[in-house]
Amino acid sequence: MQQVLEAISDPTRRKILDLLKKGEMSAGELGKHFDISGPSMSHHLSKLKAADLVLANRRGQSIHYSINTSVFDDAAQFVISFFQNKKEHAEKEESK
């Protein structure tokens, strides 16, 4: 979970994920939306892959990226349960 939170803490990576919501894209297609170098884009994509937020599929000489929705489901469940537990704890404290 720490890798997921670290990966989505960066605005560039959040924008990459937002672009991938529309569908699979190659690194070159993604790069057209940013004013960063190829190595910087590669670094951001590596962070997203390490957190398992994106899947990479090689097609010929290009790599196409897509969102790994199962990890997003897990992260959403974590956040929901975190705040539910926090709310339940606050309610118990108030009832004392």
PDB file of N, CA and C in Angstrom:
ATOM      1  N   MET A   1       0.823  -1.189   0.000  1.00  0.00           N
ATOM      2  CA  MET A   1       0.000   0.000   0.000  1.00  0.00           C
ATOM      3  C   MET A   1       0.871   1.258   0.000  1.00  0.00           C
ATOM      4  N   GLN A   2       2.026   1.190   0.659  1.00  0.00           N
ATOM      5  CA  GLN A   2       2.911   2.358   0.704  1.00  0.00           C
ATOM      6  C   GLN A   2       3.368   2.750  -0.701  1.00  0.00           C
ATOM      7  N   GLN A   3       3.686   1.761  -1.536  1.00  0.00           N
ATOM      8  CA  GLN A   3       4.097   2.063  -2.915  1.00  0.00           C
ATOM      9  C   GLN A   3       2.967   2.718  -3.695  1.00  0.00           C
ATOM     10  N   VAL A   4       1.743   2.285  -3.464  1.00  0.00           N
ATOM     11  CA  VAL A   4       0.591   2.870  -4.149  1.00  0.00           C
ATOM     12  C   VAL A   4       0.436   4.330  -3.752  1.00  0.00           C
ATOM     13  N   LEU A   5       0.462   4.587  -2.444  1.00  0.00           N
ATOM     14  CA  LEU A   5       0.305   5.959  -1.974  1.00  0.00           C
ATOM     15  C   LEU A   5       1.436   6.856  -2.461  1.00  0.00           C
ATOM     16  N   GLU A   6       2.653   6.328  -2.453  1.00  0.00           N
ATOM     17  CA  GLU A   6       3.795   7.096  -2.965  1.00  0.00           C
ATOM     18  C   GLU A   6       3.633   7.387  -4.453  1.00  0.00           C
ATOM     19  N   ALA A   7       3.187   6.396  -5.192  1.00  0.00           N
ATOM     20  CA  ALA A   7       3.035   6.563  -6.649  1.00  0.00           C
ATOM     21  C   ALA A   7       1.992   7.618  -6.985  1.00  0.00           C
ATOM     22  N   ILE A   8       0.880   7.632  -6.271  1.00  0.00           N
ATOM     23  CA  ILE A   8      -0.179   8.580  -6.614  1.00  0.00           C
ATOM     24  C   ILE A   8       0.021   9.944  -5.956  1.00  0.00           C
ATOM     25  N   SER A   9       1.079  10.084  -5.168  1.00  0.00           N
ATOM     26  CA  SER A   9       1.334  11.381  -4.536  1.00  0.00           C
ATOM     27  C   SER A   9       1.898  12.401  -5.528  1.00  0.00           C
ATOM     28  N   ASP A  10       2.384  11.934  -6.655  1.00  0.00           N
ATOM     29  CA  ASP A  10       2.987  12.826  -7.649  1.00  0.00           C
ATOM     30  C   ASP A  10       1.955  13.263  -8.691  1.00  0.00           C
ATOM     31  N   PRO A  11       1.855  14.574  -8.962  1.00  0.00           N
ATOM     32  CA  PRO A  11       0.854  15.053  -9.918  1.00  0.00           C
ATOM     33  C   PRO A  11       1.048  14.529 -11.341  1.00  0.00           C
ATOM     34  N   THR A  12       2.285  14.319 -11.754  1.00  0.00           N
ATOM     35  CA  THR A  12       2.528  13.781 -13.099  1.00  0.00           C
ATOM     36  C   THR A  12       1.986  12.364 -13.206  1.00  0.00           C
ATOM     37  N   ARG A  13       2.224  11.571 -12.185  1.00  0.00           N
ATOM     38  CA  ARG A  13       1.729  10.190 -12.208  1.00  0.00           C
ATOM     39  C   ARG A  13       0.209  10.148 -12.136  1.00  0.00           C
ATOM     40  N   ARG A  14      -0.383  11.064 -11.383  1.00  0.00           N
ATOM     41  CA  ARG A  14      -1.856  11.112 -11.351  1.00  0.00           C
ATOM     42  C   ARG A  14      -2.411  11.476 -12.726  1.00  0.00           C
ATOM     43  N   LYS A  15      -1.724  12.362 -13.437  1.00  0.00           N
ATOM     44  CA  LYS A  15      -2.185  12.729 -14.782  1.00  0.00           C
ATOM     45  C   LYS A  15      -2.025  11.542 -15.743  1.00  0.00           C
ATOM     46  N   ILE A  16      -0.948  10.785 -15.602  1.00  0.00           N
ATOM     47  CA  ILE A  16      -0.765   9.587 -16.427  1.00  0.00           C
ATOM     48  C   ILE A  16      -1.929   8.628 -16.194  1.00  0.00           C
ATOM     49  N   LEU A  17      -2.269   8.407 -14.936  1.00  0.00           N
ATOM     50  CA  LEU A  17      -3.389   7.513 -14.616  1.00  0.00           C
ATOM     51  C   LEU A  17      -4.696   8.048 -15.182  1.00  0.00           C
ATOM     52  N   ASP A  18      -4.873   9.353 -15.107  1.00  0.00           N
ATOM     53  CA  ASP A  18      -6.080   9.962 -15.657  1.00  0.00           C
ATOM     54  C   ASP A  18      -6.170   9.736 -17.168  1.00  0.00           C
ATOM     55  N   LEU A  19      -5.046   9.860 -17.864  1.00  0.00           N
ATOM     56  CA  LEU A  19      -5.026   9.616 -19.309  1.00  0.00           C
ATOM     57  C   LEU A  19      -5.331   8.153 -19.620  1.00  0.00           C
ATOM     58  N   LEU A  20      -4.814   7.262 -18.789  1.00  0.00           N
ATOM     59  CA  LEU A  20      -5.022   5.830 -19.028  1.00  0.00           C
ATOM     60  C   LEU A  20      -6.447   5.377 -18.723  1.00  0.00           C
ATOM     61  N   LYS A  21      -7.217   6.205 -18.003  1.00  0.00           N
ATOM     62  CA  LYS A  21      -8.624   5.878 -17.777  1.00  0.00           C
ATOM     63  C   LYS A  21      -9.367   5.783 -19.102  1.00  0.00           C
ATOM     64  N   LYS A  22      -8.889   6.530 -20.098  1.00  0.00           N
ATOM     65  CA  LYS A  22      -9.542   6.556 -21.406  1.00  0.00           C
ATOM     66  C   LYS A  22      -9.203   5.316 -22.232  1.00  0.00           C
ATOM     67  N   GLY A  23      -8.149   4.607 -21.836  1.00  0.00           N
ATOM     68  CA  GLY A  23      -7.759   3.403 -22.558  1.00  0.00           C
ATOM     69  C   GLY A  23      -6.251   3.262 -22.626  1.00  0.00           C
ATOM     70  N   GLU A  24      -5.850   2.155 -23.162  1.00  0.00           N
ATOM     71  CA  GLU A  24      -4.437   1.813 -23.282  1.00  0.00           C
ATOM     72  C   GLU A  24      -3.694   2.823 -24.152  1.00  0.00           C
ATOM     73  N   MET A  25      -2.462   3.168 -23.752  1.00  0.00           N
ATOM     74  CA  MET A  25      -1.633   4.105 -24.517  1.00  0.00           C
ATOM     75  C   MET A  25      -0.175   3.657 -24.464  1.00  0.00           C
ATOM     76  N   SER A  26       0.551   3.989 -25.513  1.00  0.00           N
ATOM     77  CA  SER A  26       1.988   3.710 -25.523  1.00  0.00           C
ATOM     78  C   SER A  26       2.710   4.809 -24.750  1.00  0.00           C
ATOM     79  N   ALA A  27       3.961   4.563 -24.413  1.00  0.00           N
ATOM     80  CA  ALA A  27       4.765   5.563 -23.719  1.00  0.00           C
ATOM     81  C   ALA A  27       4.880   6.825 -24.568  1.00  0.00           C
ATOM     82  N   GLY A  28       5.025   6.660 -25.863  1.00  0.00           N
ATOM     83  CA  GLY A  28       5.120   7.814 -26.762  1.00  0.00           C
ATOM     84  C   GLY A  28       3.845   8.637 -26.776  1.00  0.00           C
ATOM     85  N   GLU A  29       2.704   7.962 -26.794  1.00  0.00           N
ATOM     86  CA  GLU A  29       1.418   8.674 -26.768  1.00  0.00           C
ATOM     87  C   GLU A  29       1.243   9.425 -25.451  1.00  0.00           C
ATOM     88  N   LEU A  30       1.633   8.794 -24.356  1.00  0.00           N
ATOM     89  CA  LEU A  30       1.551   9.456 -23.060  1.00  0.00           C
ATOM     90  C   LEU A  30       2.487  10.667 -23.020  1.00  0.00           C
ATOM     91  N   GLY A  31       3.688  10.496 -23.553  1.00  0.00           N
ATOM     92  CA  GLY A  31       4.692  11.544 -23.519  1.00  0.00           C
ATOM     93  C   GLY A  31       4.260  12.827 -24.208  1.00  0.00           C
ATOM     94  N   LYS A  32       3.376  12.721 -25.189  1.00  0.00           N
ATOM     95  CA  LYS A  32       2.901  13.906 -25.912  1.00  0.00           C
ATOM     96  C   LYS A  32       2.119  14.866 -25.010  1.00  0.00           C
ATOM     97  N   HIS A  33       1.648  14.379 -23.876  1.00  0.00           N
ATOM     98  CA  HIS A  33       0.836  15.187 -22.962  1.00  0.00           C
ATOM     99  C   HIS A  33       1.674  15.893 -21.886  1.00  0.00           C
ATOM    100  N   PHE A  34       2.989  15.704 -21.932  1.00  0.00           N
ATOM    101  CA  PHE A  34       3.862  16.239 -20.887  1.00  0.00           C
ATOM    102  C   PHE A  34       5.058  16.946 -21.490  1.00  0.00           C
ATOM    103  N   ASP A  35       5.578  17.892 -20.751  1.00  0.00           N
ATOM    104  CA  ASP A  35       6.791  18.593 -21.157  1.00  0.00           C
ATOM    105  C   ASP A  35       7.954  18.087 -20.297  1.00  0.00           C
ATOM    106  N   ILE A  36       8.198  16.762 -20.396  1.00  0.00           N
ATOM    107  CA  ILE A  36       9.293  16.145 -19.651  1.00  0.00           C
ATOM    108  C   ILE A  36      10.085  15.253 -20.591  1.00  0.00           C
ATOM    109  N   SER A  37      11.288  14.909 -20.174  1.00  0.00           N
ATOM    110  CA  SER A  37      12.159  14.077 -21.008  1.00  0.00           C
ATOM    111  C   SER A  37      11.678  12.624 -21.020  1.00  0.00           C
ATOM    112  N   GLY A  38      12.175  11.880 -21.993  1.00  0.00           N
ATOM    113  CA  GLY A  38      11.865  10.454 -22.079  1.00  0.00           C
ATOM    114  C   GLY A  38      12.271   9.695 -20.819  1.00  0.00           C
ATOM    115  N   PRO A  39      13.500   9.941 -20.303  1.00  0.00           N
ATOM    116  CA  PRO A  39      13.890   9.250 -19.067  1.00  0.00           C
ATOM    117  C   PRO A  39      12.992   9.604 -17.871  1.00  0.00           C
ATOM    118  N   SER A  40      12.517  10.845 -17.807  1.00  0.00           N
ATOM    119  CA  SER A  40      11.607  11.224 -16.718  1.00  0.00           C
ATOM    120  C   SER A  40      10.280  10.484 -16.848  1.00  0.00           C
ATOM    121  N   MET A  41       9.768  10.390 -18.068  1.00  0.00           N
ATOM    122  CA  MET A  41       8.521   9.651 -18.291  1.00  0.00           C
ATOM    123  C   MET A  41       8.723   8.187 -17.915  1.00  0.00           C
ATOM    124  N   SER A  42       9.853   7.625 -18.288  1.00  0.00           N
ATOM    125  CA  SER A  42      10.168   6.238 -17.958  1.00  0.00           C
ATOM    126  C   SER A  42      10.205   6.044 -16.438  1.00  0.00           C
ATOM    127  N   HIS A  43      10.767   7.002 -15.728  1.00  0.00           N
ATOM    128  CA  HIS A  43      10.829   6.941 -14.261  1.00  0.00           C
ATOM    129  C   HIS A  43       9.413   6.909 -13.665  1.00  0.00           C
ATOM    130  N   HIS A  44       8.543   7.790 -14.147  1.00  0.00           N
ATOM    131  CA  HIS A  44       7.168   7.836 -13.638  1.00  0.00           C
ATOM    132  C   HIS A  44       6.429   6.532 -13.941  1.00  0.00           C
ATOM    133  N   LEU A  45       6.601   6.018 -15.141  1.00  0.00           N
ATOM    134  CA  LEU A  45       5.948   4.759 -15.499  1.00  0.00           C
ATOM    135  C   LEU A  45       6.498   3.598 -14.664  1.00  0.00           C
ATOM    136  N   SER A  46       7.787   3.631 -14.365  1.00  0.00           N
ATOM    137  CA  SER A  46       8.389   2.587 -13.517  1.00  0.00           C
ATOM    138  C   SER A  46       7.797   2.610 -12.115  1.00  0.00           C
ATOM    139  N   LYS A  47       7.590   3.813 -11.575  1.00  0.00           N
ATOM    140  CA  LYS A  47       6.989   3.941 -10.242  1.00  0.00           C
ATOM    141  C   LYS A  47       5.567   3.385 -10.243  1.00  0.00           C
ATOM    142  N   LEU A  48       4.821   3.689 -11.305  1.00  0.00           N
ATOM    143  CA  LEU A  48       3.443   3.189 -11.408  1.00  0.00           C
ATOM    144  C   LEU A  48       3.419   1.671 -11.568  1.00  0.00           C
ATOM    145  N   LYS A  49       4.372   1.132 -12.339  1.00  0.00           N
ATOM    146  CA  LYS A  49       4.448  -0.328 -12.499  1.00  0.00           C
ATOM    147  C   LYS A  49       4.846  -0.988 -11.186  1.00  0.00           C
ATOM    148  N   ALA A  50       5.813  -0.403 -10.468  1.00  0.00           N
ATOM    149  CA  ALA A  50       6.268  -0.975  -9.197  1.00  0.00           C
ATOM    150  C   ALA A  50       5.130  -1.027  -8.179  1.00  0.00           C
ATOM    151  N   ALA A  51       4.233  -0.060  -8.241  1.00  0.00           N
ATOM    152  CA  ALA A  51       3.077  -0.037  -7.341  1.00  0.00           C
ATOM    153  C   ALA A  51       1.944  -0.898  -7.878  1.00  0.00           C
ATOM    154  N   ASP A  52       2.143  -1.498  -9.039  1.00  0.00           N
ATOM    155  CA  ASP A  52       1.148  -2.366  -9.676  1.00  0.00           C
ATOM    156  C   ASP A  52      -0.096  -1.599 -10.122  1.00  0.00           C
ATOM    157  N   LEU A  53       0.050  -0.292 -10.316  1.00  0.00           N
ATOM    158  CA  LEU A  53      -1.088   0.519 -10.749  1.00  0.00           C
ATOM    159  C   LEU A  53      -1.302   0.473 -12.248  1.00  0.00           C
ATOM    160  N   VAL A  54      -0.242   0.163 -12.990  1.00  0.00           N
ATOM    161  CA  VAL A  54      -0.371   0.029 -14.442  1.00  0.00           C
ATOM    162  C   VAL A  54       0.210  -1.304 -14.887  1.00  0.00           C
ATOM    163  N   LEU A  55      -0.325  -1.793 -15.981  1.00  0.00           N
ATOM    164  CA  LEU A  55       0.170  -3.005 -16.619  1.00  0.00           C
ATOM    165  C   LEU A  55       0.877  -2.594 -17.900  1.00  0.00           C
ATOM    166  N   ALA A  56       1.965  -3.270 -18.225  1.00  0.00           N
ATOM    167  CA  ALA A  56       2.731  -2.958 -19.429  1.00  0.00           C
ATOM    168  C   ALA A  56       2.723  -4.172 -20.351  1.00  0.00           C
ATOM    169  N   ASN A  57       2.330  -3.947 -21.606  1.00  0.00           N
ATOM    170  CA  ASN A  57       2.308  -5.014 -22.611  1.00  0.00           C
ATOM    171  C   ASN A  57       3.136  -4.586 -23.808  1.00  0.00           C
ATOM    172  N   ARG A  58       4.137  -5.406 -24.125  1.00  0.00           N
ATOM    173  CA  ARG A  58       4.993  -5.094 -25.262  1.00  0.00           C
ATOM    174  C   ARG A  58       4.293  -5.479 -26.554  1.00  0.00           C
ATOM    175  N   ARG A  59       4.306  -4.559 -27.516  1.00  0.00           N
ATOM    176  CA  ARG A  59       3.773  -4.804 -28.855  1.00  0.00           C
ATOM    177  C   ARG A  59       4.832  -4.349 -29.846  1.00  0.00           C
ATOM    178  N   GLY A  60       5.538  -5.297 -30.381  1.00  0.00           N
ATOM    179  CA  GLY A  60       6.634  -4.944 -31.274  1.00  0.00           C
ATOM    180  C   GLY A  60       7.698  -4.202 -30.491  1.00  0.00           C
ATOM    181  N   GLN A  61       8.024  -2.995 -30.950  1.00  0.00           N
ATOM    182  CA  GLN A  61       9.048  -2.217 -30.259  1.00  0.00           C
ATOM    183  C   GLN A  61       8.470  -1.224 -29.255  1.00  0.00           C
ATOM    184  N   SER A  62       7.165  -1.169 -29.121  1.00  0.00           N
ATOM    185  CA  SER A  62       6.585  -0.223 -28.166  1.00  0.00           C
ATOM    186  C   SER A  62       5.916  -0.964 -27.014  1.00  0.00           C
ATOM    187  N   ILE A  63       5.794  -0.268 -25.903  1.00  0.00           N
ATOM    188  CA  ILE A  63       5.136  -0.815 -24.729  1.00  0.00           C
ATOM    189  C   ILE A  63       3.847  -0.031 -24.529  1.00  0.00           C
ATOM    190  N   HIS A  64       2.757  -0.736 -24.360  1.00  0.00           N
ATOM    191  CA  HIS A  64       1.454  -0.112 -24.144  1.00  0.00           C
ATOM    192  C   HIS A  64       1.061  -0.297 -22.680  1.00  0.00           C
ATOM    193  N   TYR A  65       0.569   0.767 -22.094  1.00  0.00           N
ATOM    194  CA  TYR A  65       0.230   0.787 -20.675  1.00  0.00           C
ATOM    195  C   TYR A  65      -1.276   0.869 -20.488  1.00  0.00           C
ATOM    196  N   SER A  66      -1.748   0.204 -19.442  1.00  0.00           N
ATOM    197  CA  SER A  66      -3.167   0.265 -19.080  1.00  0.00           C
ATOM    198  C   SER A  66      -3.263   0.241 -17.561  1.00  0.00           C
ATOM    199  N   ILE A  67      -4.412   0.650 -17.056  1.00  0.00           N
ATOM    200  CA  ILE A  67      -4.625   0.689 -15.608  1.00  0.00           C
ATOM    201  C   ILE A  67      -4.922  -0.716 -15.089  1.00  0.00           C
ATOM    202  N   ASN A  68      -4.340  -1.029 -13.953  1.00  0.00           N
ATOM    203  CA  ASN A  68      -4.606  -2.282 -13.260  1.00  0.00           C
ATOM    204  C   ASN A  68      -5.705  -2.008 -12.235  1.00  0.00           C
ATOM    205  N   THR A  69      -6.935  -2.245 -12.620  1.00  0.00           N
ATOM    206  CA  THR A  69      -8.076  -1.855 -11.781  1.00  0.00           C
ATOM    207  C   THR A  69      -8.146  -2.610 -10.459  1.00  0.00           C
ATOM    208  N   SER A  70      -7.617  -3.819 -10.391  1.00  0.00           N
ATOM    209  CA  SER A  70      -7.710  -4.581  -9.142  1.00  0.00           C
ATOM    210  C   SER A  70      -6.948  -3.898  -8.017  1.00  0.00           C
ATOM    211  N   VAL A  71      -5.837  -3.260  -8.320  1.00  0.00           N
ATOM    212  CA  VAL A  71      -5.074  -2.559  -7.286  1.00  0.00           C
ATOM    213  C   VAL A  71      -5.845  -1.331  -6.820  1.00  0.00           C
ATOM    214  N   PHE A  72      -6.536  -0.654  -7.739  1.00  0.00           N
ATOM    215  CA  PHE A  72      -7.346   0.494  -7.347  1.00  0.00           C
ATOM    216  C   PHE A  72      -8.485   0.060  -6.430  1.00  0.00           C
ATOM    217  N   ASP A  73      -9.066  -1.090  -6.702  1.00  0.00           N
ATOM    218  CA  ASP A  73     -10.119  -1.614  -5.829  1.00  0.00           C
ATOM    219  C   ASP A  73      -9.576  -1.850  -4.421  1.00  0.00           C
ATOM    220  N   ASP A  74      -8.394  -2.460  -4.333  1.00  0.00           N
ATOM    221  CA  ASP A  74      -7.769  -2.718  -3.036  1.00  0.00           C
ATOM    222  C   ASP A  74      -7.463  -1.411  -2.300  1.00  0.00           C
ATOM    223  N   ALA A  75      -6.930  -0.427  -3.026  1.00  0.00           N
ATOM    224  CA  ALA A  75      -6.593   0.858  -2.413  1.00  0.00           C
ATOM    225  C   ALA A  75      -7.850   1.567  -1.923  1.00  0.00           C
ATOM    226  N   ALA A  76      -8.906   1.513  -2.709  1.00  0.00           N
ATOM    227  CA  ALA A  76     -10.166   2.151  -2.302  1.00  0.00           C
ATOM    228  C   ALA A  76     -10.708   1.488  -1.044  1.00  0.00           C
ATOM    229  N   GLN A  77     -10.649   0.171  -0.982  1.00  0.00           N
ATOM    230  CA  GLN A  77     -11.111  -0.545   0.211  1.00  0.00           C
ATOM    231  C   GLN A  77     -10.291  -0.145   1.435  1.00  0.00           C
ATOM    232  N   PHE A  78      -8.984   0.001   1.251  1.00  0.00           N
ATOM    233  CA  PHE A  78      -8.102   0.408   2.350  1.00  0.00           C
ATOM    234  C   PHE A  78      -8.509   1.779   2.873  1.00  0.00           C
ATOM    235  N   VAL A  79      -8.695   2.734   1.982  1.00  0.00           N
ATOM    236  CA  VAL A  79      -9.045   4.100   2.375  1.00  0.00           C
ATOM    237  C   VAL A  79     -10.408   4.124   3.064  1.00  0.00           C
ATOM    238  N   ILE A  80     -11.378   3.409   2.505  1.00  0.00           N
ATOM    239  CA  ILE A  80     -12.713   3.366   3.108  1.00  0.00           C
ATOM    240  C   ILE A  80     -12.645   2.778   4.514  1.00  0.00           C
ATOM    241  N   SER A  81     -11.955   1.671   4.662  1.00  0.00           N
ATOM    242  CA  SER A  81     -11.895   1.034   5.980  1.00  0.00           C
ATOM    243  C   SER A  81     -11.105   1.899   6.962  1.00  0.00           C
ATOM    244  N   PHE A  82     -10.084   2.588   6.494  1.00  0.00           N
ATOM    245  CA  PHE A  82      -9.312   3.477   7.361  1.00  0.00           C
ATOM    246  C   PHE A  82     -10.218   4.556   7.951  1.00  0.00           C
ATOM    247  N   PHE A  83     -10.997   5.204   7.104  1.00  0.00           N
ATOM    248  CA  PHE A  83     -11.856   6.274   7.581  1.00  0.00           C
ATOM    249  C   PHE A  83     -13.057   5.750   8.374  1.00  0.00           C
ATOM    250  N   GLN A  84     -13.549   4.567   8.046  1.00  0.00           N
ATOM    251  CA  GLN A  84     -14.637   3.978   8.834  1.00  0.00           C
ATOM    252  C   GLN A  84     -14.151   3.690  10.246  1.00  0.00           C
ATOM    253  N   ASN A  85     -12.959   3.102  10.344  1.00  0.00           N
ATOM    254  CA  ASN A  85     -12.402   2.791  11.663  1.00  0.00           C
ATOM    255  C   ASN A  85     -12.163   4.061  12.463  1.00  0.00           C
ATOM    256  N   LYS A  86     -11.689   5.085  11.802  1.00  0.00           N
ATOM    257  CA  LYS A  86     -11.436   6.361  12.472  1.00  0.00           C
ATOM    258  C   LYS A  86     -12.754   6.961  12.972  1.00  0.00           C
ATOM    259  N   LYS A  87     -13.805   6.893  12.152  1.00  0.00           N
ATOM    260  CA  LYS A  87     -15.114   7.428  12.521  1.00  0.00           C
ATOM    261  C   LYS A  87     -15.691   6.628  13.697  1.00  0.00           C
ATOM    262  N   GLU A  88     -15.592   5.300  13.633  1.00  0.00           N
ATOM    263  CA  GLU A  88     -16.106   4.458  14.711  1.00  0.00           C
ATOM    264  C   GLU A  88     -15.382   4.750  16.017  1.00  0.00           C
ATOM    265  N   HIS A  89     -14.085   4.957  15.951  1.00  0.00           N
ATOM    266  CA  HIS A  89     -13.302   5.273  17.141  1.00  0.00           C
ATOM    267  C   HIS A  89     -13.751   6.609  17.732  1.00  0.00           C
ATOM    268  N   ALA A  90     -13.975   7.611  16.882  1.00  0.00           N
ATOM    269  CA  ALA A  90     -14.428   8.929  17.338  1.00  0.00           C
ATOM    270  C   ALA A  90     -15.813   8.823  17.984  1.00  0.00           C
ATOM    271  N   GLU A  91     -16.688   8.017  17.393  1.00  0.00           N
ATOM    272  CA  GLU A  91     -18.029   7.846  17.958  1.00  0.00           C
ATOM    273  C   GLU A  91     -17.974   7.168  19.318  1.00  0.00           C
ATOM    274  N   LYS A  92     -17.087   6.192  19.492  1.00  0.00           N
ATOM    275  CA  LYS A  92     -16.925   5.527  20.795  1.00  0.00           C
ATOM    276  C   LYS A  92     -16.423   6.515  21.835  1.00  0.00           C
ATOM    277  N   GLU A  93     -15.492   7.367  21.440  1.00  0.00           N
ATOM    278  CA  GLU A  93     -14.943   8.355  22.355  1.00  0.00           C
ATOM    279  C   GLU A  93     -16.004   9.355  22.783  1.00  0.00           C
ATOM    280  N   GLU A  94     -16.879   9.742  21.860  1.00  0.00           N
ATOM    281  CA  GLU A  94     -17.945  10.694  22.178  1.00  0.00           C
ATOM    282  C   GLU A  94     -18.985  10.112  23.125  1.00  0.00           C
ATOM    283  N   SER A  95     -19.216   8.803  23.042  1.00  0.00           N
ATOM    284  CA  SER A  95     -20.247   8.175  23.865  1.00  0.00           C
ATOM    285  C   SER A  95     -19.770   7.901  25.295  1.00  0.00           C
ATOM    286  N   LYS A  96     -18.496   8.089  25.559  1.00  0.00           N
ATOM    287  CA  LYS A  96     -17.960   7.844  26.912  1.00  0.00           C
ATOM    288  C   LYS A  96     -18.363   8.924  27.878  1.00  0.00           C
TER     289      LYS A  96
END
